[in-house]
Amino acid sequence: MKALETEPKTYSKTFREKLVIMVVYQNLPAKAVAKMHHLPSVHMLTNWVSIYKKKLEKGAVSLLPMDPKVKDSKALQARIRQLEKSLDKANVLIYGLNSMIDYAEKELKVPLRKKHGTKQ
């Protein structure tokens, strides 16, 4: 008997982003979103969410603007926490990059930063 050959279904980037936004920003449970959109596994969606969060930490993607219709204080507090967390990570990244530049300038004796007042 011949084994069934099924190709894995691929999902568009916009579809994946839509589902990730539902989970990350609208605080909907991943299991419910996966079931609502007929995904074969909730693990697929949680994988997309973790990839998105890693990109968010690295600064590869930015936070979405908040919906102006939202007036719920819990949603606003959650958004403030997200923004504060994002700001903290960005500040740590900036501090690390500046430290690397300082170290490179000191050890390699190569000026990397633009000096103010120089002609272009």
C-alpha atoms as a PDB file:
ATOM      1  CA  MET A   1       0.000   0.000   0.000  1.00  0.00           C
ATOM      2  CA  LYS A   2       1.389   3.371  -1.005  1.00  0.00           C
ATOM      3  CA  ALA A   3       1.921   5.890   1.778  1.00  0.00           C
ATOM      4  CA  LEU A   4       0.003   9.125   1.507  1.00  0.00           C
ATOM      5  CA  GLU A   5       2.226  11.943   0.364  1.00  0.00           C
ATOM      6  CA  THR A   6       1.028  15.282   1.637  1.00  0.00           C
ATOM      7  CA  GLU A   7       2.897  18.491   1.150  1.00  0.00           C
ATOM      8  CA  PRO A   8       3.169  20.779   4.156  1.00  0.00           C
ATOM      9  CA  LYS A   9       0.841  23.731   3.844  1.00  0.00           C
ATOM     10  CA  THR A  10       2.539  27.102   3.674  1.00  0.00           C
ATOM     11  CA  TYR A  11       0.981  30.261   5.051  1.00  0.00           C
ATOM     12  CA  SER A  12       1.483  33.773   3.764  1.00  0.00           C
ATOM     13  CA  LYS A  13       3.521  36.263   5.746  1.00  0.00           C
ATOM     14  CA  THR A  14       0.531  38.550   6.227  1.00  0.00           C
ATOM     15  CA  PHE A  15      -1.579  35.672   7.557  1.00  0.00           C
ATOM     16  CA  ARG A  16       1.138  34.682  10.036  1.00  0.00           C
ATOM     17  CA  GLU A  17       1.577  38.295  11.160  1.00  0.00           C
ATOM     18  CA  LYS A  18      -2.168  38.665  11.635  1.00  0.00           C
ATOM     19  CA  LEU A  19      -2.287  35.633  13.926  1.00  0.00           C
ATOM     20  CA  VAL A  20       0.828  36.675  15.838  1.00  0.00           C
ATOM     21  CA  ILE A  21      -0.661  40.142  16.426  1.00  0.00           C
ATOM     22  CA  MET A  22      -3.819  38.526  17.772  1.00  0.00           C
ATOM     23  CA  VAL A  23      -1.774  36.549  20.286  1.00  0.00           C
ATOM     24  CA  VAL A  24       0.845  39.156  21.237  1.00  0.00           C
ATOM     25  CA  TYR A  25      -1.084  42.417  21.207  1.00  0.00           C
ATOM     26  CA  GLN A  26      -4.701  41.394  21.680  1.00  0.00           C
ATOM     27  CA  ASN A  27      -3.805  38.850  24.393  1.00  0.00           C
ATOM     28  CA  LEU A  28      -5.879  36.077  22.830  1.00  0.00           C
ATOM     29  CA  PRO A  29      -4.871  32.515  23.759  1.00  0.00           C
ATOM     30  CA  ALA A  30      -2.756  30.830  21.082  1.00  0.00           C
ATOM     31  CA  LYS A  31      -4.832  27.668  21.287  1.00  0.00           C
ATOM     32  CA  ALA A  32      -8.053  29.566  20.546  1.00  0.00           C
ATOM     33  CA  VAL A  33      -6.494  31.499  17.650  1.00  0.00           C
ATOM     34  CA  ALA A  34      -5.076  28.314  16.142  1.00  0.00           C
ATOM     35  CA  LYS A  35      -8.433  26.579  16.405  1.00  0.00           C
ATOM     36  CA  MET A  36     -10.312  29.596  15.021  1.00  0.00           C
ATOM     37  CA  HIS A  37      -8.088  29.699  11.923  1.00  0.00           C
ATOM     38  CA  HIS A  38      -7.947  25.907  11.483  1.00  0.00           C
ATOM     39  CA  LEU A  39      -4.208  25.490  12.001  1.00  0.00           C
ATOM     40  CA  PRO A  40      -3.122  21.861  12.231  1.00  0.00           C
ATOM     41  CA  SER A  41      -1.216  22.515  15.457  1.00  0.00           C
ATOM     42  CA  VAL A  42      -1.032  25.194  18.110  1.00  0.00           C
ATOM     43  CA  HIS A  43       2.733  24.636  18.175  1.00  0.00           C
ATOM     44  CA  MET A  44       2.991  26.187  14.737  1.00  0.00           C
ATOM     45  CA  LEU A  45       1.472  29.413  16.048  1.00  0.00           C
ATOM     46  CA  THR A  46       3.561  29.443  19.224  1.00  0.00           C
ATOM     47  CA  ASN A  47       6.654  29.020  17.047  1.00  0.00           C
ATOM     48  CA  TRP A  48       5.628  32.048  14.949  1.00  0.00           C
ATOM     49  CA  VAL A  49       5.057  34.048  18.139  1.00  0.00           C
ATOM     50  CA  SER A  50       8.465  33.146  19.566  1.00  0.00           C
ATOM     51  CA  ILE A  51      10.190  34.078  16.290  1.00  0.00           C
ATOM     52  CA  TYR A  52       8.336  37.412  16.290  1.00  0.00           C
ATOM     53  CA  LYS A  53       9.318  38.110  19.902  1.00  0.00           C
ATOM     54  CA  LYS A  54      12.980  37.357  19.148  1.00  0.00           C
ATOM     55  CA  LYS A  55      12.865  39.778  16.217  1.00  0.00           C
ATOM     56  CA  LEU A  56      11.201  42.324  18.468  1.00  0.00           C
ATOM     57  CA  GLU A  57      13.984  41.959  21.043  1.00  0.00           C
ATOM     58  CA  LYS A  58      16.649  42.426  18.380  1.00  0.00           C
ATOM     59  CA  GLY A  59      14.890  45.489  17.025  1.00  0.00           C
ATOM     60  CA  ALA A  60      14.168  43.875  13.666  1.00  0.00           C
ATOM     61  CA  VAL A  61      10.481  44.766  14.024  1.00  0.00           C
ATOM     62  CA  SER A  62       8.835  47.538  15.967  1.00  0.00           C
ATOM     63  CA  LEU A  63       5.764  47.595  18.146  1.00  0.00           C
ATOM     64  CA  LEU A  64       2.502  48.267  16.397  1.00  0.00           C
ATOM     65  CA  PRO A  65       0.749  51.541  17.109  1.00  0.00           C
ATOM     66  CA  MET A  66      -2.062  51.189  19.600  1.00  0.00           C
ATOM     67  CA  ASP A  67      -5.631  51.230  18.378  1.00  0.00           C
ATOM     68  CA  PRO A  68      -7.055  54.681  19.267  1.00  0.00           C
ATOM     69  CA  LYS A  69     -10.451  53.107  20.024  1.00  0.00           C
ATOM     70  CA  VAL A  70      -9.057  51.249  23.034  1.00  0.00           C
ATOM     71  CA  LYS A  71     -10.007  52.999  26.261  1.00  0.00           C
ATOM     72  CA  ASP A  72      -9.692  50.011  28.599  1.00  0.00           C
ATOM     73  CA  SER A  73      -7.282  50.804  31.424  1.00  0.00           C
ATOM     74  CA  LYS A  74      -5.983  47.216  31.582  1.00  0.00           C
ATOM     75  CA  ALA A  75      -5.142  47.295  27.888  1.00  0.00           C
ATOM     76  CA  LEU A  76      -3.481  50.674  28.293  1.00  0.00           C
ATOM     77  CA  GLN A  77      -1.439  49.446  31.266  1.00  0.00           C
ATOM     78  CA  ALA A  78      -0.374  46.363  29.303  1.00  0.00           C
ATOM     79  CA  ARG A  79       0.660  48.595  26.393  1.00  0.00           C
ATOM     80  CA  ILE A  80       2.673  50.835  28.732  1.00  0.00           C
ATOM     81  CA  ARG A  81       4.474  47.762  30.111  1.00  0.00           C
ATOM     82  CA  GLN A  82       5.252  46.585  26.560  1.00  0.00           C
ATOM     83  CA  LEU A  83       6.626  49.988  25.601  1.00  0.00           C
ATOM     84  CA  GLU A  84       8.706  50.279  28.783  1.00  0.00           C
ATOM     85  CA  LYS A  85      10.140  46.801  28.230  1.00  0.00           C
ATOM     86  CA  SER A  86      10.935  47.655  24.615  1.00  0.00           C
ATOM     87  CA  LEU A  87      12.591  50.915  25.679  1.00  0.00           C
ATOM     88  CA  ASP A  88      14.708  49.117  28.283  1.00  0.00           C
ATOM     89  CA  LYS A  89      15.922  46.607  25.695  1.00  0.00           C
ATOM     90  CA  ALA A  90      16.707  49.384  23.222  1.00  0.00           C
ATOM     91  CA  ASN A  91      18.694  51.273  25.862  1.00  0.00           C
ATOM     92  CA  VAL A  92      20.697  48.152  26.732  1.00  0.00           C
ATOM     93  CA  LEU A  93      21.425  47.610  23.035  1.00  0.00           C
ATOM     94  CA  ILE A  94      22.547  51.238  22.603  1.00  0.00           C
ATOM     95  CA  TYR A  95      24.773  51.008  25.688  1.00  0.00           C
ATOM     96  CA  GLY A  96      26.335  47.794  24.382  1.00  0.00           C
ATOM     97  CA  LEU A  97      26.991  49.220  20.932  1.00  0.00           C
ATOM     98  CA  ASN A  98      28.526  52.389  22.382  1.00  0.00           C
ATOM     99  CA  SER A  99      30.736  50.276  24.647  1.00  0.00           C
ATOM    100  CA  MET A 100      31.921  48.243  21.658  1.00  0.00           C
ATOM    101  CA  ILE A 101      32.749  51.401  19.711  1.00  0.00           C
ATOM    102  CA  ASP A 102      34.620  52.876  22.695  1.00  0.00           C
ATOM    103  CA  TYR A 103      36.616  49.673  23.116  1.00  0.00           C
ATOM    104  CA  ALA A 104      37.443  49.510  19.401  1.00  0.00           C
ATOM    105  CA  GLU A 105      38.565  53.146  19.358  1.00  0.00           C
ATOM    106  CA  LYS A 106      40.736  52.623  22.439  1.00  0.00           C
ATOM    107  CA  GLU A 107      42.323  49.298  21.478  1.00  0.00           C
ATOM    108  CA  LEU A 108      42.650  49.751  17.720  1.00  0.00           C
ATOM    109  CA  LYS A 109      43.273  53.488  17.868  1.00  0.00           C
ATOM    110  CA  VAL A 110      40.886  54.011  14.962  1.00  0.00           C
ATOM    111  CA  PRO A 111      38.375  56.869  15.161  1.00  0.00           C
ATOM    112  CA  LEU A 112      34.957  55.397  14.418  1.00  0.00           C
ATOM    113  CA  ARG A 113      32.674  58.238  15.461  1.00  0.00           C
ATOM    114  CA  LYS A 114      32.220  61.358  13.387  1.00  0.00           C
ATOM    115  CA  LYS A 115      33.916  64.353  14.957  1.00  0.00           C
ATOM    116  CA  HIS A 116      31.757  67.465  15.222  1.00  0.00           C
ATOM    117  CA  GLY A 117      32.916  70.445  13.223  1.00  0.00           C
ATOM    118  CA  THR A 118      34.780  68.524  10.526  1.00  0.00           C
ATOM    119  CA  LYS A 119      34.248  69.371   6.871  1.00  0.00           C
ATOM    120  CA  GLN A 120      32.453  66.842   4.748  1.00  0.00           C
END
